[in-house]
Every structure is written in C-alpha cells, then in structure tokens.
Amino acid sequence: MRILFVGDVVGRSGRVAVNEMLPGLIRDWKLDLVIVNGENAAGGFGITEAIYHELLEAGADAITLGNHSWDQREALVFIERAPRLIRPANFPPGTPGRGAALIDTRNGKRALVINGIGRVFMQPFDDPFAIIDRELNACPLREVADAVVVDFHGEASSEKQAIGYFCDGRASLVVGTHTHVPTSDHRILPSGTAYMTDAGMTGDYESIIGMQREEPLGRFQRGYPAGRFEPAEGVATLSGIAVETDDTTGLATRVAAVRIGPLLERAVPDFW
C-alpha cells in the first residue's frame, strides 16, 4: 500500500498547497491512502465543516486533529457527522467524535487511522499509551486492518519516540505532529513500523511555526500578548512522509520525507 501523510495544514496558505498539489501527487504516485492533519486549517486554529469537506475533495481519505480540535466551536457538533475526521483518542470519555476510524483505501483495502495526543508539556489528557494499545488490540494489523497509521500529536520528541517503539510491529506508520518543524529521522523501526518524530507543517515557512512573525516575536520580547496570532500568507510548503507497505504483513518496506515548496530543501520519494 502507498501511503502519504501530510503534516499540519496551517491556514489558507496551507489549504491552497493541499488543493493545488495533492490531486497530482495521488495520480503520479498512485497513492492508496492519504491522511492530512487539519487541526490548524481554519485561520491557524481548528477546522470548520466547510474546510473538512474541502480537504476531502482535494483527496484526503482521513483528517486528524490535535490540541486545537475545538478552537472552531462548530467542530464539537459537526464531527459527529464527519466519519473521516479523527480527534485524539485519549481525550476524556464523552468527548464528541472518534479517536480512531477504519478507512476504505483506493486499492480496496482497509486502514485503521488512530489519533493520539501527548501529555508532556501539553494538557494532561488520558494515558495515550493505554488508549492507543486498546485501539491497536481492537483492530489488529493483518487480522482486521491492512495498514495502521498513528498520528501522535505532541510537543516532546522523547514522548513521540516512545510511542513509536511502543507501536513498533503493530502499526505501519507512527508519525508525530504539532511542532510544525519537520524532523530528519524518518526510518523503519526494528519490527517494521515506519517512523518520523514530526511531519512538519504544510504552511508558509517564512513565519514562526506558520504564524506572521510580528506577534509571536513580540510576545517573546514583551512577555505578554498585544494582538492575535495570524497565519502567514506566503506560498506554503507541503511537508509530510511517504510510506510503502508490504501487502502481506502491513509493515513498512520503504519510507521517505516529503517537502515540496519554497525555502526548505525539496524531498520526494525516489521509489515511486
């Protein structure tokens, strides 16, 4: 199976990049499954129902979220009628929506997509290890799912790496999101799970993590806010990770970073 995971889409600039690039990547790379993190897609904070459908129309098969899941209050309602919108599974019991979903892929197979959120330097939600373990056991790779992708939304690299090894051999891909900075540690772990500490963002990198520079820079200098964070509006770079899996085992056989756009060094898989 050919899988593309697209890192955090930030604002209009990020959405434009997805809309312009993703259909061609699906065609040219013959992708079977595309997952997009959309938690910053609406003005940098949260997601709306219209943007959810916009990302699906561009080619996303599933959309994951994170700590900004509810910044657009409408998400608390429309997520119940959005079966391919997945919020962190370790949010408290009773939270609207779902933390995992079984998705039909373009090649007629099924993929389990799990979203988790970290607790280190983040709001301490339920234990992500226990919840992800539950989801993996409920829908095992090879037995129920042909592929398993875990989007772990966290601040600490160490916690993301721990989740990677915790899932090794039980997931096709574990990829970190949230920091908006792509890491260069993409690889296949010892038991066959593709891993990357952070997929980076799909947004304007002439910014401070996707936001216009003035306000965040000023807050570091002043120690207090003077205005709102606004998404940077320059040309975005699409960042993420590409994975190919073995049809028999569901585990990764090849992995590559994806970076297409200005500023960052271009990276695309050389095996498709």
C-alpha atoms as a PDB file:
ATOM      1  CA  MET A   1       0.000   0.000   0.000  1.00  0.00           C
ATOM      2  CA  ARG A   2       1.200   3.516  -0.803  1.00  0.00           C
ATOM      3  CA  ILE A   3       0.543   5.993   1.990  1.00  0.00           C
ATOM      4  CA  LEU A   4       1.065   9.750   2.191  1.00  0.00           C
ATOM      5  CA  PHE A   5       0.741  11.614   5.469  1.00  0.00           C
ATOM      6  CA  VAL A   6       0.542  15.411   5.185  1.00  0.00           C
ATOM      7  CA  GLY A   7       1.691  17.472   8.191  1.00  0.00           C
ATOM      8  CA  ASP A   8      -0.350  20.153   9.948  1.00  0.00           C
ATOM      9  CA  VAL A   9      -2.147  22.334   7.396  1.00  0.00           C
ATOM     10  CA  VAL A  10      -1.906  25.959   8.576  1.00  0.00           C
ATOM     11  CA  GLY A  11      -4.437  28.498   7.350  1.00  0.00           C
ATOM     12  CA  ARG A  12      -5.379  29.438   3.822  1.00  0.00           C
ATOM     13  CA  SER A  13      -1.815  29.149   2.546  1.00  0.00           C
ATOM     14  CA  GLY A  14      -1.621  25.528   3.652  1.00  0.00           C
ATOM     15  CA  ARG A  15      -5.032  24.712   2.201  1.00  0.00           C
ATOM     16  CA  VAL A  16      -4.053  26.209  -1.151  1.00  0.00           C
ATOM     17  CA  ALA A  17      -0.962  23.984  -1.216  1.00  0.00           C
ATOM     18  CA  VAL A  18      -3.052  20.893  -0.491  1.00  0.00           C
ATOM     19  CA  ASN A  19      -5.664  21.809  -3.088  1.00  0.00           C
ATOM     20  CA  GLU A  20      -3.033  22.500  -5.757  1.00  0.00           C
ATOM     21  CA  MET A  21      -0.612  19.650  -5.098  1.00  0.00           C
ATOM     22  CA  LEU A  22      -2.488  16.714  -3.616  1.00  0.00           C
ATOM     23  CA  PRO A  23      -4.569  15.616  -6.650  1.00  0.00           C
ATOM     24  CA  GLY A  24      -1.406  15.432  -8.768  1.00  0.00           C
ATOM     25  CA  LEU A  25       0.521  13.522  -6.098  1.00  0.00           C
ATOM     26  CA  ILE A  26      -2.296  10.988  -5.795  1.00  0.00           C
ATOM     27  CA  ARG A  27      -2.230  10.495  -9.552  1.00  0.00           C
ATOM     28  CA  ASP A  28       1.524  10.494 -10.117  1.00  0.00           C
ATOM     29  CA  TRP A  29       2.483   8.435  -7.059  1.00  0.00           C
ATOM     30  CA  LYS A  30      -0.564   6.144  -7.350  1.00  0.00           C
ATOM     31  CA  LEU A  31      -1.388   6.705  -3.693  1.00  0.00           C
ATOM     32  CA  ASP A  32      -3.770   4.334  -1.927  1.00  0.00           C
ATOM     33  CA  LEU A  33      -4.241   6.304   1.284  1.00  0.00           C
ATOM     34  CA  VAL A  34      -3.803   9.997   2.151  1.00  0.00           C
ATOM     35  CA  ILE A  35      -4.077  11.317   5.699  1.00  0.00           C
ATOM     36  CA  VAL A  36      -3.951  15.045   6.451  1.00  0.00           C
ATOM     37  CA  ASN A  37      -3.597  16.721   9.835  1.00  0.00           C
ATOM     38  CA  GLY A  38      -6.103  19.579   9.690  1.00  0.00           C
ATOM     39  CA  GLU A  39      -6.163  20.991  13.215  1.00  0.00           C
ATOM     40  CA  ASN A  40      -4.781  24.386  12.130  1.00  0.00           C
ATOM     41  CA  ALA A  41      -6.584  24.606   8.796  1.00  0.00           C
ATOM     42  CA  ALA A  42      -9.109  27.297   9.779  1.00  0.00           C
ATOM     43  CA  GLY A  43      -7.154  30.512  10.194  1.00  0.00           C
ATOM     44  CA  GLY A  44      -4.455  28.615  12.065  1.00  0.00           C
ATOM     45  CA  PHE A  45      -6.808  27.391  14.783  1.00  0.00           C
ATOM     46  CA  GLY A  46      -9.132  24.410  14.409  1.00  0.00           C
ATOM     47  CA  ILE A  47     -11.235  23.224  11.494  1.00  0.00           C
ATOM     48  CA  THR A  48     -14.674  24.023  10.093  1.00  0.00           C
ATOM     49  CA  GLU A  49     -17.099  21.724   8.338  1.00  0.00           C
ATOM     50  CA  ALA A  50     -16.548  23.521   5.032  1.00  0.00           C
ATOM     51  CA  ILE A  51     -12.770  23.056   5.315  1.00  0.00           C
ATOM     52  CA  TYR A  52     -13.237  19.389   6.281  1.00  0.00           C
ATOM     53  CA  HIS A  53     -15.085  18.821   3.007  1.00  0.00           C
ATOM     54  CA  GLU A  54     -12.561  20.948   1.101  1.00  0.00           C
ATOM     55  CA  LEU A  55      -9.699  18.695   2.247  1.00  0.00           C
ATOM     56  CA  LEU A  56     -11.680  15.557   1.384  1.00  0.00           C
ATOM     57  CA  GLU A  57     -12.396  16.922  -2.090  1.00  0.00           C
ATOM     58  CA  ALA A  58      -8.674  17.581  -2.568  1.00  0.00           C
ATOM     59  CA  GLY A  59      -8.016  13.876  -1.948  1.00  0.00           C
ATOM     60  CA  ALA A  60      -7.653  13.332   1.805  1.00  0.00           C
ATOM     61  CA  ASP A  61      -9.084   9.994   2.945  1.00  0.00           C
ATOM     62  CA  ALA A  62      -8.884  10.880   6.642  1.00  0.00           C
ATOM     63  CA  ILE A  63      -8.230  14.083   8.593  1.00  0.00           C
ATOM     64  CA  THR A  64      -6.626  14.057  12.027  1.00  0.00           C
ATOM     65  CA  LEU A  65      -6.656  16.749  14.687  1.00  0.00           C
ATOM     66  CA  GLY A  66      -4.832  17.712  17.905  1.00  0.00           C
ATOM     67  CA  ASN A  67      -4.881  20.240  20.727  1.00  0.00           C
ATOM     68  CA  HIS A  68      -6.739  22.813  18.583  1.00  0.00           C
ATOM     69  CA  SER A  69      -9.558  20.388  17.756  1.00  0.00           C
ATOM     70  CA  TRP A  70     -12.271  22.573  19.294  1.00  0.00           C
ATOM     71  CA  ASP A  71     -10.956  26.070  18.546  1.00  0.00           C
ATOM     72  CA  GLN A  72     -13.759  26.354  15.997  1.00  0.00           C
ATOM     73  CA  ARG A  73     -16.725  25.564  18.213  1.00  0.00           C
ATOM     74  CA  GLU A  74     -18.764  24.146  15.359  1.00  0.00           C
ATOM     75  CA  ALA A  75     -16.378  21.175  15.313  1.00  0.00           C
ATOM     76  CA  LEU A  76     -17.941  19.886  18.537  1.00  0.00           C
ATOM     77  CA  VAL A  77     -21.172  19.394  16.585  1.00  0.00           C
ATOM     78  CA  PHE A  78     -20.245  18.560  13.012  1.00  0.00           C
ATOM     79  CA  ILE A  79     -17.618  15.972  13.979  1.00  0.00           C
ATOM     80  CA  GLU A  80     -20.491  13.603  14.759  1.00  0.00           C
ATOM     81  CA  ARG A  81     -21.485  13.628  11.083  1.00  0.00           C
ATOM     82  CA  ALA A  82     -17.883  13.623   9.812  1.00  0.00           C
ATOM     83  CA  PRO A  83     -16.806   9.955   9.891  1.00  0.00           C
ATOM     84  CA  ARG A  84     -13.363  10.652   8.450  1.00  0.00           C
ATOM     85  CA  LEU A  85     -12.492  13.386  10.962  1.00  0.00           C
ATOM     86  CA  ILE A  86     -10.479  11.860  13.814  1.00  0.00           C
ATOM     87  CA  ARG A  87      -9.662  13.662  17.077  1.00  0.00           C
ATOM     88  CA  PRO A  88      -7.213  12.399  19.733  1.00  0.00           C
ATOM     89  CA  ALA A  89      -8.399   9.087  21.147  1.00  0.00           C
ATOM     90  CA  ASN A  90      -7.214   9.922  24.655  1.00  0.00           C
ATOM     91  CA  PHE A  91      -9.486  12.934  25.057  1.00  0.00           C
ATOM     92  CA  PRO A  92     -11.761  12.321  28.086  1.00  0.00           C
ATOM     93  CA  PRO A  93     -14.678   9.866  27.831  1.00  0.00           C
ATOM     94  CA  GLY A  94     -17.760  11.566  26.429  1.00  0.00           C
ATOM     95  CA  THR A  95     -15.830  13.855  24.088  1.00  0.00           C
ATOM     96  CA  PRO A  96     -17.654  14.156  20.742  1.00  0.00           C
ATOM     97  CA  GLY A  97     -16.314  12.289  17.741  1.00  0.00           C
ATOM     98  CA  ARG A  98     -13.964   9.352  17.415  1.00  0.00           C
ATOM     99  CA  GLY A  99     -10.294   8.742  18.120  1.00  0.00           C
ATOM    100  CA  ALA A 100      -9.859   6.021  15.507  1.00  0.00           C
ATOM    101  CA  ALA A 101     -11.533   5.056  12.245  1.00  0.00           C
ATOM    102  CA  LEU A 102     -11.339   2.211   9.749  1.00  0.00           C
ATOM    103  CA  ILE A 103     -10.936   3.827   6.325  1.00  0.00           C
ATOM    104  CA  ASP A 104     -11.533   2.283   2.890  1.00  0.00           C
ATOM    105  CA  THR A 105      -8.475   2.816   0.691  1.00  0.00           C
ATOM    106  CA  ARG A 106      -8.241   3.352  -3.047  1.00  0.00           C
ATOM    107  CA  ASN A 107      -6.902  -0.170  -3.627  1.00  0.00           C
ATOM    108  CA  GLY A 108      -9.881  -1.843  -1.963  1.00  0.00           C
ATOM    109  CA  LYS A 109      -8.225  -2.474   1.399  1.00  0.00           C
ATOM    110  CA  ARG A 110      -8.898  -1.043   4.851  1.00  0.00           C
ATOM    111  CA  ALA A 111      -6.669   1.117   7.018  1.00  0.00           C
ATOM    112  CA  LEU A 112      -7.014   1.937  10.698  1.00  0.00           C
ATOM    113  CA  VAL A 113      -6.186   5.567  11.488  1.00  0.00           C
ATOM    114  CA  ILE A 114      -5.553   6.458  15.146  1.00  0.00           C
ATOM    115  CA  ASN A 115      -5.019   9.953  16.547  1.00  0.00           C
ATOM    116  CA  GLY A 116      -3.371  10.435  19.950  1.00  0.00           C
ATOM    117  CA  ILE A 117      -2.155  13.446  21.903  1.00  0.00           C
ATOM    118  CA  GLY A 118       0.851  13.711  24.200  1.00  0.00           C
ATOM    119  CA  ARG A 119       0.921  14.731  27.848  1.00  0.00           C
ATOM    120  CA  VAL A 120       4.449  16.140  28.166  1.00  0.00           C
ATOM    121  CA  PHE A 121       4.298  19.972  28.001  1.00  0.00           C
ATOM    122  CA  MET A 122       0.652  19.583  26.927  1.00  0.00           C
ATOM    123  CA  GLN A 123      -2.672  19.445  28.760  1.00  0.00           C
ATOM    124  CA  PRO A 124      -2.568  16.083  30.592  1.00  0.00           C
ATOM    125  CA  PHE A 125      -5.349  14.066  28.985  1.00  0.00           C
ATOM    126  CA  ASP A 126      -5.789  10.304  29.484  1.00  0.00           C
ATOM    127  CA  ASP A 127      -2.833   7.937  29.126  1.00  0.00           C
ATOM    128  CA  PRO A 128      -2.072   7.799  25.374  1.00  0.00           C
ATOM    129  CA  PHE A 129      -0.186   4.507  25.669  1.00  0.00           C
ATOM    130  CA  ALA A 130      -3.140   2.689  27.210  1.00  0.00           C
ATOM    131  CA  ILE A 131      -5.650   4.183  24.758  1.00  0.00           C
ATOM    132  CA  ILE A 132      -3.531   3.528  21.656  1.00  0.00           C
ATOM    133  CA  ASP A 133      -2.889  -0.014  22.904  1.00  0.00           C
ATOM    134  CA  ARG A 134      -6.641  -0.500  23.201  1.00  0.00           C
ATOM    135  CA  GLU A 135      -7.240   0.688  19.635  1.00  0.00           C
ATOM    136  CA  LEU A 136      -4.445  -1.488  18.232  1.00  0.00           C
ATOM    137  CA  ASN A 137      -5.800  -4.555  20.015  1.00  0.00           C
ATOM    138  CA  ALA A 138      -9.355  -3.859  18.847  1.00  0.00           C
ATOM    139  CA  CYS A 139      -8.338  -3.735  15.183  1.00  0.00           C
ATOM    140  CA  PRO A 140      -5.065  -5.642  14.752  1.00  0.00           C
ATOM    141  CA  LEU A 141      -2.786  -5.168  11.785  1.00  0.00           C
ATOM    142  CA  ARG A 142      -3.071  -8.051   9.289  1.00  0.00           C
ATOM    143  CA  GLU A 143      -6.113  -9.533  11.051  1.00  0.00           C
ATOM    144  CA  VAL A 144      -8.579  -6.652  10.578  1.00  0.00           C
ATOM    145  CA  ALA A 145      -6.639  -3.740   9.092  1.00  0.00           C
ATOM    146  CA  ASP A 146      -4.358  -3.926   6.055  1.00  0.00           C
ATOM    147  CA  ALA A 147      -2.490  -0.874   7.333  1.00  0.00           C
ATOM    148  CA  VAL A 148      -2.413   1.089  10.600  1.00  0.00           C
ATOM    149  CA  VAL A 149      -1.382   4.740  10.843  1.00  0.00           C
ATOM    150  CA  VAL A 150      -0.912   6.547  14.169  1.00  0.00           C
ATOM    151  CA  ASP A 151      -0.757  10.361  14.241  1.00  0.00           C
ATOM    152  CA  PHE A 152       0.707  11.265  17.622  1.00  0.00           C
ATOM    153  CA  HIS A 153       0.254  14.963  18.321  1.00  0.00           C
ATOM    154  CA  GLY A 154       2.829  16.020  20.872  1.00  0.00           C
ATOM    155  CA  GLU A 155       5.401  18.561  21.969  1.00  0.00           C
ATOM    156  CA  ALA A 156       8.158  16.310  23.344  1.00  0.00           C
ATOM    157  CA  SER A 157      10.334  14.378  20.911  1.00  0.00           C
ATOM    158  CA  SER A 158      11.021  11.774  23.586  1.00  0.00           C
ATOM    159  CA  GLU A 159       7.323  11.023  24.074  1.00  0.00           C
ATOM    160  CA  LYS A 160       6.823  10.687  20.318  1.00  0.00           C
ATOM    161  CA  GLN A 161       9.780   8.313  20.051  1.00  0.00           C
ATOM    162  CA  ALA A 162       8.410   6.260  22.955  1.00  0.00           C
ATOM    163  CA  ILE A 163       5.061   5.922  21.169  1.00  0.00           C
ATOM    164  CA  GLY A 164       6.924   4.842  18.019  1.00  0.00           C
ATOM    165  CA  TYR A 165       8.692   1.979  19.773  1.00  0.00           C
ATOM    166  CA  PHE A 166       5.530   1.117  21.716  1.00  0.00           C
ATOM    167  CA  CYS A 167       3.692   0.609  18.404  1.00  0.00           C
ATOM    168  CA  ASP A 168       6.611  -0.990  16.528  1.00  0.00           C
ATOM    169  CA  GLY A 169       5.453  -4.098  14.709  1.00  0.00           C
ATOM    170  CA  ARG A 170       1.771  -3.285  15.273  1.00  0.00           C
ATOM    171  CA  ALA A 171       1.464  -0.195  13.052  1.00  0.00           C
ATOM    172  CA  SER A 172       2.506   0.591   9.506  1.00  0.00           C
ATOM    173  CA  LEU A 173       3.389   4.199  10.385  1.00  0.00           C
ATOM    174  CA  VAL A 174       3.748   6.288  13.531  1.00  0.00           C
ATOM    175  CA  VAL A 175       4.199   9.969  12.716  1.00  0.00           C
ATOM    176  CA  GLY A 176       4.418  12.942  15.058  1.00  0.00           C
ATOM    177  CA  THR A 177       2.648  16.245  14.529  1.00  0.00           C
ATOM    178  CA  HIS A 178       2.256  19.555  16.412  1.00  0.00           C
ATOM    179  CA  THR A 179       5.665  21.302  16.384  1.00  0.00           C
ATOM    180  CA  HIS A 180       5.336  22.403  12.722  1.00  0.00           C
ATOM    181  CA  VAL A 181       9.048  21.676  12.162  1.00  0.00           C
ATOM    182  CA  PRO A 182       9.938  18.621  10.024  1.00  0.00           C
ATOM    183  CA  THR A 183      12.490  16.242  11.507  1.00  0.00           C
ATOM    184  CA  SER A 184      15.062  14.278   9.509  1.00  0.00           C
ATOM    185  CA  ASP A 185      14.756  10.987  11.414  1.00  0.00           C
ATOM    186  CA  HIS A 186      12.317   9.172   9.122  1.00  0.00           C
ATOM    187  CA  ARG A 187      13.174   5.479   9.172  1.00  0.00           C
ATOM    188  CA  ILE A 188      11.791   1.981   9.674  1.00  0.00           C
ATOM    189  CA  LEU A 189      11.959   0.780  13.283  1.00  0.00           C
ATOM    190  CA  PRO A 190      13.346  -2.702  14.106  1.00  0.00           C
ATOM    191  CA  SER A 191       9.985  -4.506  13.943  1.00  0.00           C
ATOM    192  CA  GLY A 192       8.828  -2.851  10.728  1.00  0.00           C
ATOM    193  CA  THR A 193       6.962   0.354  11.642  1.00  0.00           C
ATOM    194  CA  ALA A 194       7.811   3.496   9.669  1.00  0.00           C
ATOM    195  CA  TYR A 195       8.503   6.422  11.969  1.00  0.00           C
ATOM    196  CA  MET A 196       9.094  10.191  11.907  1.00  0.00           C
ATOM    197  CA  THR A 197       9.222  12.402  15.006  1.00  0.00           C
ATOM    198  CA  ASP A 198       7.441  15.305  13.295  1.00  0.00           C
ATOM    199  CA  ALA A 199       6.000  15.611   9.802  1.00  0.00           C
ATOM    200  CA  GLY A 200       6.328  19.397   9.860  1.00  0.00           C
ATOM    201  CA  MET A 201       3.639  21.763   8.654  1.00  0.00           C
ATOM    202  CA  THR A 202       2.011  22.464   5.360  1.00  0.00           C
ATOM    203  CA  GLY A 203       2.206  26.223   5.524  1.00  0.00           C
ATOM    204  CA  ASP A 204       4.344  29.281   4.889  1.00  0.00           C
ATOM    205  CA  TYR A 205       7.780  28.643   6.441  1.00  0.00           C
ATOM    206  CA  GLU A 206       8.668  32.348   6.263  1.00  0.00           C
ATOM    207  CA  SER A 207       6.946  32.591   9.633  1.00  0.00           C
ATOM    208  CA  ILE A 208       7.099  31.459  13.244  1.00  0.00           C
ATOM    209  CA  ILE A 209       5.511  27.996  13.135  1.00  0.00           C
ATOM    210  CA  GLY A 210       3.089  29.189  10.474  1.00  0.00           C
ATOM    211  CA  MET A 211       2.133  32.497  12.061  1.00  0.00           C
ATOM    212  CA  GLN A 212       3.040  36.004  10.914  1.00  0.00           C
ATOM    213  CA  ARG A 213       6.261  36.774  12.747  1.00  0.00           C
ATOM    214  CA  GLU A 214       5.491  40.066  14.474  1.00  0.00           C
ATOM    215  CA  GLU A 215       3.116  38.951  17.235  1.00  0.00           C
ATOM    216  CA  PRO A 216       4.918  35.784  18.406  1.00  0.00           C
ATOM    217  CA  LEU A 217       8.265  37.584  18.218  1.00  0.00           C
ATOM    218  CA  GLY A 218       6.845  40.459  20.256  1.00  0.00           C
ATOM    219  CA  ARG A 219       5.406  38.112  22.873  1.00  0.00           C
ATOM    220  CA  PHE A 220       8.820  36.559  23.431  1.00  0.00           C
ATOM    221  CA  GLN A 221      10.274  40.032  23.911  1.00  0.00           C
ATOM    222  CA  ARG A 222       7.447  41.619  25.930  1.00  0.00           C
ATOM    223  CA  GLY A 223       6.175  38.637  27.853  1.00  0.00           C
ATOM    224  CA  TYR A 224       2.533  39.422  27.086  1.00  0.00           C
ATOM    225  CA  PRO A 225       0.188  39.382  24.050  1.00  0.00           C
ATOM    226  CA  ALA A 226      -0.530  42.574  22.137  1.00  0.00           C
ATOM    227  CA  GLY A 227      -2.713  41.093  19.407  1.00  0.00           C
ATOM    228  CA  ARG A 228      -3.888  37.931  17.727  1.00  0.00           C
ATOM    229  CA  PHE A 229      -1.794  35.302  16.025  1.00  0.00           C
ATOM    230  CA  GLU A 230      -2.493  35.452  12.291  1.00  0.00           C
ATOM    231  CA  PRO A 231      -1.412  32.788   9.778  1.00  0.00           C
ATOM    232  CA  ALA A 232       1.408  33.709   7.417  1.00  0.00           C
ATOM    233  CA  GLU A 233       0.100  34.162   3.883  1.00  0.00           C
ATOM    234  CA  GLY A 234       3.084  33.360   1.671  1.00  0.00           C
ATOM    235  CA  VAL A 235       3.469  30.329  -0.571  1.00  0.00           C
ATOM    236  CA  ALA A 236       3.283  27.160   1.506  1.00  0.00           C
ATOM    237  CA  THR A 237       5.498  24.105   1.520  1.00  0.00           C
ATOM    238  CA  LEU A 238       3.708  20.761   1.681  1.00  0.00           C
ATOM    239  CA  SER A 239       5.509  18.633   4.280  1.00  0.00           C
ATOM    240  CA  GLY A 240       4.950  15.053   5.328  1.00  0.00           C
ATOM    241  CA  ILE A 241       6.049  11.463   4.947  1.00  0.00           C
ATOM    242  CA  ALA A 242       5.559   8.795   2.268  1.00  0.00           C
ATOM    243  CA  VAL A 243       5.446   5.100   3.140  1.00  0.00           C
ATOM    244  CA  GLU A 244       5.105   1.901   1.164  1.00  0.00           C
ATOM    245  CA  THR A 245       3.918  -1.202   2.994  1.00  0.00           C
ATOM    246  CA  ASP A 246       4.098  -4.928   2.348  1.00  0.00           C
ATOM    247  CA  ASP A 247       0.698  -6.329   1.336  1.00  0.00           C
ATOM    248  CA  THR A 248       1.262  -9.490   3.368  1.00  0.00           C
ATOM    249  CA  THR A 249       2.427  -8.030   6.670  1.00  0.00           C
ATOM    250  CA  GLY A 250       1.123  -4.463   6.533  1.00  0.00           C
ATOM    251  CA  LEU A 251       4.518  -3.269   7.752  1.00  0.00           C
ATOM    252  CA  ALA A 252       6.688  -0.646   6.079  1.00  0.00           C
ATOM    253  CA  THR A 253       9.159  -1.533   3.357  1.00  0.00           C
ATOM    254  CA  ARG A 254      10.167   1.974   2.244  1.00  0.00           C
ATOM    255  CA  VAL A 255       9.893   5.443   3.726  1.00  0.00           C
ATOM    256  CA  ALA A 256      10.775   8.966   2.571  1.00  0.00           C
ATOM    257  CA  ALA A 257      10.319  12.544   3.708  1.00  0.00           C
ATOM    258  CA  VAL A 258       8.134  14.824   1.592  1.00  0.00           C
ATOM    259  CA  ARG A 259       8.813  18.558   1.270  1.00  0.00           C
ATOM    260  CA  ILE A 260       7.529  20.399  -1.798  1.00  0.00           C
ATOM    261  CA  GLY A 261       7.649  24.175  -1.919  1.00  0.00           C
ATOM    262  CA  PRO A 262       9.917  27.153  -1.275  1.00  0.00           C
ATOM    263  CA  LEU A 263      12.552  27.638   1.458  1.00  0.00           C
ATOM    264  CA  LEU A 264      13.035  24.033   2.597  1.00  0.00           C
ATOM    265  CA  GLU A 265      15.183  21.567   0.684  1.00  0.00           C
ATOM    266  CA  ARG A 266      12.947  19.577  -1.665  1.00  0.00           C
ATOM    267  CA  ALA A 267      12.351  15.952  -0.715  1.00  0.00           C
ATOM    268  CA  VAL A 268      10.229  13.380  -2.549  1.00  0.00           C
ATOM    269  CA  PRO A 269      10.282   9.572  -2.592  1.00  0.00           C
ATOM    270  CA  ASP A 270      12.577   8.106  -5.248  1.00  0.00           C
ATOM    271  CA  PHE A 271      10.839   4.723  -5.209  1.00  0.00           C
ATOM    272  CA  TRP A 272       7.543   5.715  -6.872  1.00  0.00           C
END
